[in-house]
Amino acid sequence: MWEEAREYALPPERIDSPLAGRPYNLRHACITRWLNAGVPIAAVARRVGNSPEVIHRRYRGCIDGREEAANAKIAEALEEEGDTS
């Protein structure tokens, strides 16, 4: 059934690719996309039925490298509160 669905859902040049090789791959893609979009780990975990610890351990590659974005948010919050020292 899944192979047949892939023929309808994917462009012809991607049907034989590993893209969405099994339905569970779509779950990983979704979680990765949400984390890369900046959705908090706790929210992602709640939506997919995992603990934040599991999400952090399994998807830390998506979370690493987001330090600059986090620092910018902290700086913005401090500026809004008038605390720039």
N, C-alpha and C. Protein backbone atom coordinates (compact mmCIF):
# COMPACT_ATOMS: atom_id res chain seq x y z
N MET A 1 0.82 -1.18 0.00
CA MET A 1 0.00 0.00 0.00
C MET A 1 0.87 1.25 0.00
N TRP A 2 1.93 1.25 0.84
CA TRP A 2 2.79 2.43 0.93
C TRP A 2 3.50 2.70 -0.40
N GLU A 3 3.98 1.66 -1.03
CA GLU A 3 4.65 1.83 -2.33
C GLU A 3 3.71 2.46 -3.35
N GLU A 4 2.47 2.01 -3.34
CA GLU A 4 1.49 2.57 -4.27
C GLU A 4 1.21 4.04 -3.95
N ALA A 5 1.12 4.36 -2.68
CA ALA A 5 0.87 5.75 -2.27
C ALA A 5 2.03 6.65 -2.68
N ARG A 6 3.25 6.15 -2.59
CA ARG A 6 4.42 6.94 -2.98
C ARG A 6 4.35 7.31 -4.46
N GLU A 7 3.83 6.42 -5.29
CA GLU A 7 3.72 6.70 -6.71
C GLU A 7 2.79 7.88 -6.98
N TYR A 8 1.79 8.05 -6.13
CA TYR A 8 0.86 9.16 -6.29
C TYR A 8 1.39 10.45 -5.64
N ALA A 9 2.14 10.31 -4.56
CA ALA A 9 2.54 11.47 -3.77
C ALA A 9 3.86 12.11 -4.21
N LEU A 10 4.76 11.31 -4.75
CA LEU A 10 6.09 11.82 -5.09
C LEU A 10 6.22 12.12 -6.58
N PRO A 11 7.09 13.07 -6.92
CA PRO A 11 7.36 13.30 -8.33
C PRO A 11 8.03 12.05 -8.93
N PRO A 12 7.84 11.81 -10.21
CA PRO A 12 8.38 10.58 -10.83
C PRO A 12 9.86 10.33 -10.56
N GLU A 13 10.66 11.39 -10.54
CA GLU A 13 12.10 11.20 -10.34
C GLU A 13 12.47 10.84 -8.91
N ARG A 14 11.53 10.95 -7.97
CA ARG A 14 11.82 10.64 -6.56
C ARG A 14 11.21 9.31 -6.10
N ILE A 15 10.42 8.66 -6.93
CA ILE A 15 9.74 7.43 -6.52
C ILE A 15 10.72 6.34 -6.12
N ASP A 16 11.82 6.19 -6.82
CA ASP A 16 12.79 5.15 -6.50
C ASP A 16 13.84 5.61 -5.48
N SER A 17 13.72 6.83 -5.00
CA SER A 17 14.68 7.36 -4.02
C SER A 17 14.32 6.85 -2.61
N PRO A 18 15.21 7.05 -1.65
CA PRO A 18 14.90 6.63 -0.28
C PRO A 18 13.94 7.59 0.44
N LEU A 19 13.58 8.70 -0.20
CA LEU A 19 12.68 9.67 0.40
C LEU A 19 11.38 9.00 0.84
N ALA A 20 11.04 9.17 2.11
CA ALA A 20 9.81 8.59 2.67
C ALA A 20 9.72 7.10 2.36
N GLY A 21 10.83 6.41 2.56
CA GLY A 21 10.88 4.98 2.28
C GLY A 21 9.89 4.17 3.08
N ARG A 22 9.53 4.66 4.25
CA ARG A 22 8.51 4.01 5.08
C ARG A 22 7.76 5.11 5.82
N PRO A 23 6.54 4.86 6.21
CA PRO A 23 5.73 5.92 6.85
C PRO A 23 6.41 6.57 8.05
N TYR A 24 7.15 5.80 8.82
CA TYR A 24 7.79 6.35 10.02
C TYR A 24 8.79 7.45 9.67
N ASN A 25 9.36 7.43 8.46
CA ASN A 25 10.28 8.49 8.05
C ASN A 25 9.61 9.85 8.05
N LEU A 26 8.32 9.87 7.78
CA LEU A 26 7.58 11.14 7.77
C LEU A 26 7.54 11.76 9.16
N ARG A 27 7.46 10.92 10.17
CA ARG A 27 7.45 11.41 11.56
C ARG A 27 8.78 12.09 11.87
N HIS A 28 9.88 11.45 11.49
CA HIS A 28 11.20 12.05 11.73
C HIS A 28 11.34 13.37 10.98
N ALA A 29 10.86 13.41 9.76
CA ALA A 29 10.94 14.64 8.97
C ALA A 29 10.15 15.76 9.64
N CYS A 30 8.99 15.43 10.15
CA CYS A 30 8.15 16.42 10.82
C CYS A 30 8.83 16.95 12.08
N ILE A 31 9.34 16.06 12.90
CA ILE A 31 10.01 16.48 14.14
C ILE A 31 11.22 17.35 13.82
N THR A 32 12.00 16.95 12.84
CA THR A 32 13.17 17.72 12.44
C THR A 32 12.76 19.11 11.98
N ARG A 33 11.73 19.18 11.16
CA ARG A 33 11.27 20.48 10.65
C ARG A 33 10.82 21.38 11.78
N TRP A 34 10.04 20.84 12.73
CA TRP A 34 9.57 21.65 13.85
C TRP A 34 10.74 22.17 14.68
N LEU A 35 11.71 21.31 14.98
CA LEU A 35 12.86 21.74 15.77
C LEU A 35 13.66 22.80 15.04
N ASN A 36 13.88 22.62 13.75
CA ASN A 36 14.62 23.61 12.96
C ASN A 36 13.87 24.93 12.86
N ALA A 37 12.54 24.87 12.97
CA ALA A 37 11.73 26.08 12.93
C ALA A 37 11.75 26.82 14.28
N GLY A 38 12.34 26.18 15.29
CA GLY A 38 12.44 26.83 16.59
C GLY A 38 11.33 26.48 17.56
N VAL A 39 10.52 25.47 17.25
CA VAL A 39 9.48 25.04 18.19
C VAL A 39 10.20 24.46 19.42
N PRO A 40 9.80 24.88 20.62
CA PRO A 40 10.47 24.38 21.82
C PRO A 40 10.40 22.85 21.93
N ILE A 41 11.45 22.27 22.47
CA ILE A 41 11.54 20.82 22.60
C ILE A 41 10.34 20.26 23.36
N ALA A 42 9.93 20.94 24.43
CA ALA A 42 8.80 20.44 25.22
C ALA A 42 7.52 20.38 24.39
N ALA A 43 7.32 21.36 23.53
CA ALA A 43 6.11 21.38 22.69
C ALA A 43 6.17 20.27 21.64
N VAL A 44 7.33 20.07 21.05
CA VAL A 44 7.48 18.99 20.06
C VAL A 44 7.23 17.64 20.75
N ALA A 45 7.83 17.46 21.91
CA ALA A 45 7.69 16.19 22.64
C ALA A 45 6.22 15.92 22.95
N ARG A 46 5.52 16.93 23.42
CA ARG A 46 4.10 16.75 23.76
C ARG A 46 3.29 16.38 22.52
N ARG A 47 3.57 17.02 21.41
CA ARG A 47 2.80 16.77 20.18
C ARG A 47 3.03 15.37 19.61
N VAL A 48 4.25 14.85 19.78
CA VAL A 48 4.55 13.53 19.20
C VAL A 48 4.52 12.39 20.20
N GLY A 49 4.23 12.72 21.47
CA GLY A 49 4.09 11.68 22.47
C GLY A 49 5.39 11.11 22.99
N ASN A 50 6.42 11.95 23.05
CA ASN A 50 7.69 11.55 23.63
C ASN A 50 8.02 12.47 24.79
N SER A 51 9.05 12.12 25.54
CA SER A 51 9.53 13.02 26.57
C SER A 51 10.51 14.02 25.93
N PRO A 52 10.67 15.18 26.55
CA PRO A 52 11.67 16.12 26.04
C PRO A 52 13.07 15.51 25.99
N GLU A 53 13.37 14.63 26.97
CA GLU A 53 14.68 13.99 26.99
C GLU A 53 14.91 13.13 25.74
N VAL A 54 13.89 12.40 25.33
CA VAL A 54 14.01 11.56 24.13
C VAL A 54 14.21 12.42 22.90
N ILE A 55 13.43 13.49 22.78
CA ILE A 55 13.57 14.38 21.63
C ILE A 55 14.97 14.99 21.62
N HIS A 56 15.43 15.46 22.76
CA HIS A 56 16.75 16.08 22.82
C HIS A 56 17.85 15.09 22.44
N ARG A 57 17.76 13.88 22.97
CA ARG A 57 18.79 12.87 22.69
C ARG A 57 18.78 12.46 21.22
N ARG A 58 17.60 12.23 20.67
CA ARG A 58 17.48 11.70 19.30
C ARG A 58 17.71 12.77 18.23
N TYR A 59 17.35 14.01 18.53
CA TYR A 59 17.39 15.06 17.52
C TYR A 59 18.34 16.19 17.88
N ARG A 60 19.33 15.93 18.71
CA ARG A 60 20.22 17.01 19.14
C ARG A 60 20.95 17.66 17.98
N GLY A 61 21.14 16.95 16.87
CA GLY A 61 21.76 17.55 15.70
C GLY A 61 20.95 18.70 15.13
N CYS A 62 19.64 18.65 15.31
CA CYS A 62 18.78 19.74 14.86
C CYS A 62 18.86 20.91 15.82
N ILE A 63 19.14 20.62 17.06
CA ILE A 63 19.13 21.64 18.10
C ILE A 63 20.49 22.32 18.18
N ASP A 64 21.57 21.56 18.01
CA ASP A 64 22.91 22.14 18.03
C ASP A 64 23.02 23.19 16.94
N GLY A 65 23.78 24.23 17.21
CA GLY A 65 23.95 25.26 16.21
C GLY A 65 22.87 26.34 16.29
N ARG A 66 21.97 26.22 17.23
CA ARG A 66 20.90 27.22 17.38
C ARG A 66 21.27 28.23 18.47
N GLU A 67 22.52 28.18 18.90
CA GLU A 67 22.98 29.05 19.98
C GLU A 67 22.82 30.53 19.62
N GLU A 68 23.18 30.90 18.39
CA GLU A 68 23.07 32.30 17.99
C GLU A 68 21.63 32.78 18.02
N ALA A 69 20.72 31.95 17.55
CA ALA A 69 19.31 32.32 17.57
C ALA A 69 18.81 32.48 19.01
N ALA A 70 19.24 31.58 19.89
CA ALA A 70 18.84 31.67 21.30
C ALA A 70 19.41 32.94 21.93
N ASN A 71 20.67 33.23 21.66
CA ASN A 71 21.29 34.44 22.21
C ASN A 71 20.58 35.70 21.72
N ALA A 72 20.18 35.71 20.46
CA ALA A 72 19.45 36.87 19.91
C ALA A 72 18.12 37.05 20.62
N LYS A 73 17.42 35.95 20.90
CA LYS A 73 16.14 36.05 21.60
C LYS A 73 16.33 36.57 23.02
N ILE A 74 17.39 36.11 23.68
CA ILE A 74 17.68 36.58 25.04
C ILE A 74 17.99 38.07 25.02
N ALA A 75 18.83 38.49 24.09
CA ALA A 75 19.19 39.90 23.99
C ALA A 75 17.96 40.76 23.70
N GLU A 76 17.09 40.28 22.83
CA GLU A 76 15.87 41.02 22.50
C GLU A 76 14.97 41.16 23.73
N ALA A 77 14.83 40.08 24.49
CA ALA A 77 14.00 40.12 25.69
C ALA A 77 14.59 41.10 26.71
N LEU A 78 15.90 41.09 26.84
CA LEU A 78 16.54 42.01 27.79
C LEU A 78 16.36 43.46 27.36
N GLU A 79 16.46 43.73 26.08
CA GLU A 79 16.28 45.08 25.57
C GLU A 79 14.85 45.55 25.80
N GLU A 80 13.87 44.66 25.59
CA GLU A 80 12.48 45.02 25.80
C GLU A 80 12.21 45.38 27.28
N GLU A 81 12.94 44.73 28.16
CA GLU A 81 12.78 44.99 29.59
C GLU A 81 13.66 46.14 30.07
N GLY A 82 14.46 46.70 29.16
CA GLY A 82 15.32 47.81 29.51
C GLY A 82 16.58 47.41 30.24
N ASP A 83 16.93 46.14 30.22
CA ASP A 83 18.11 45.64 30.91
C ASP A 83 19.17 45.28 29.89
N THR A 84 19.98 46.26 29.52
CA THR A 84 21.01 46.01 28.51
C THR A 84 22.40 45.98 29.12
N SER A 85 22.50 45.98 30.42
CA SER A 85 23.82 45.98 31.05
C SER A 85 24.37 44.60 31.19
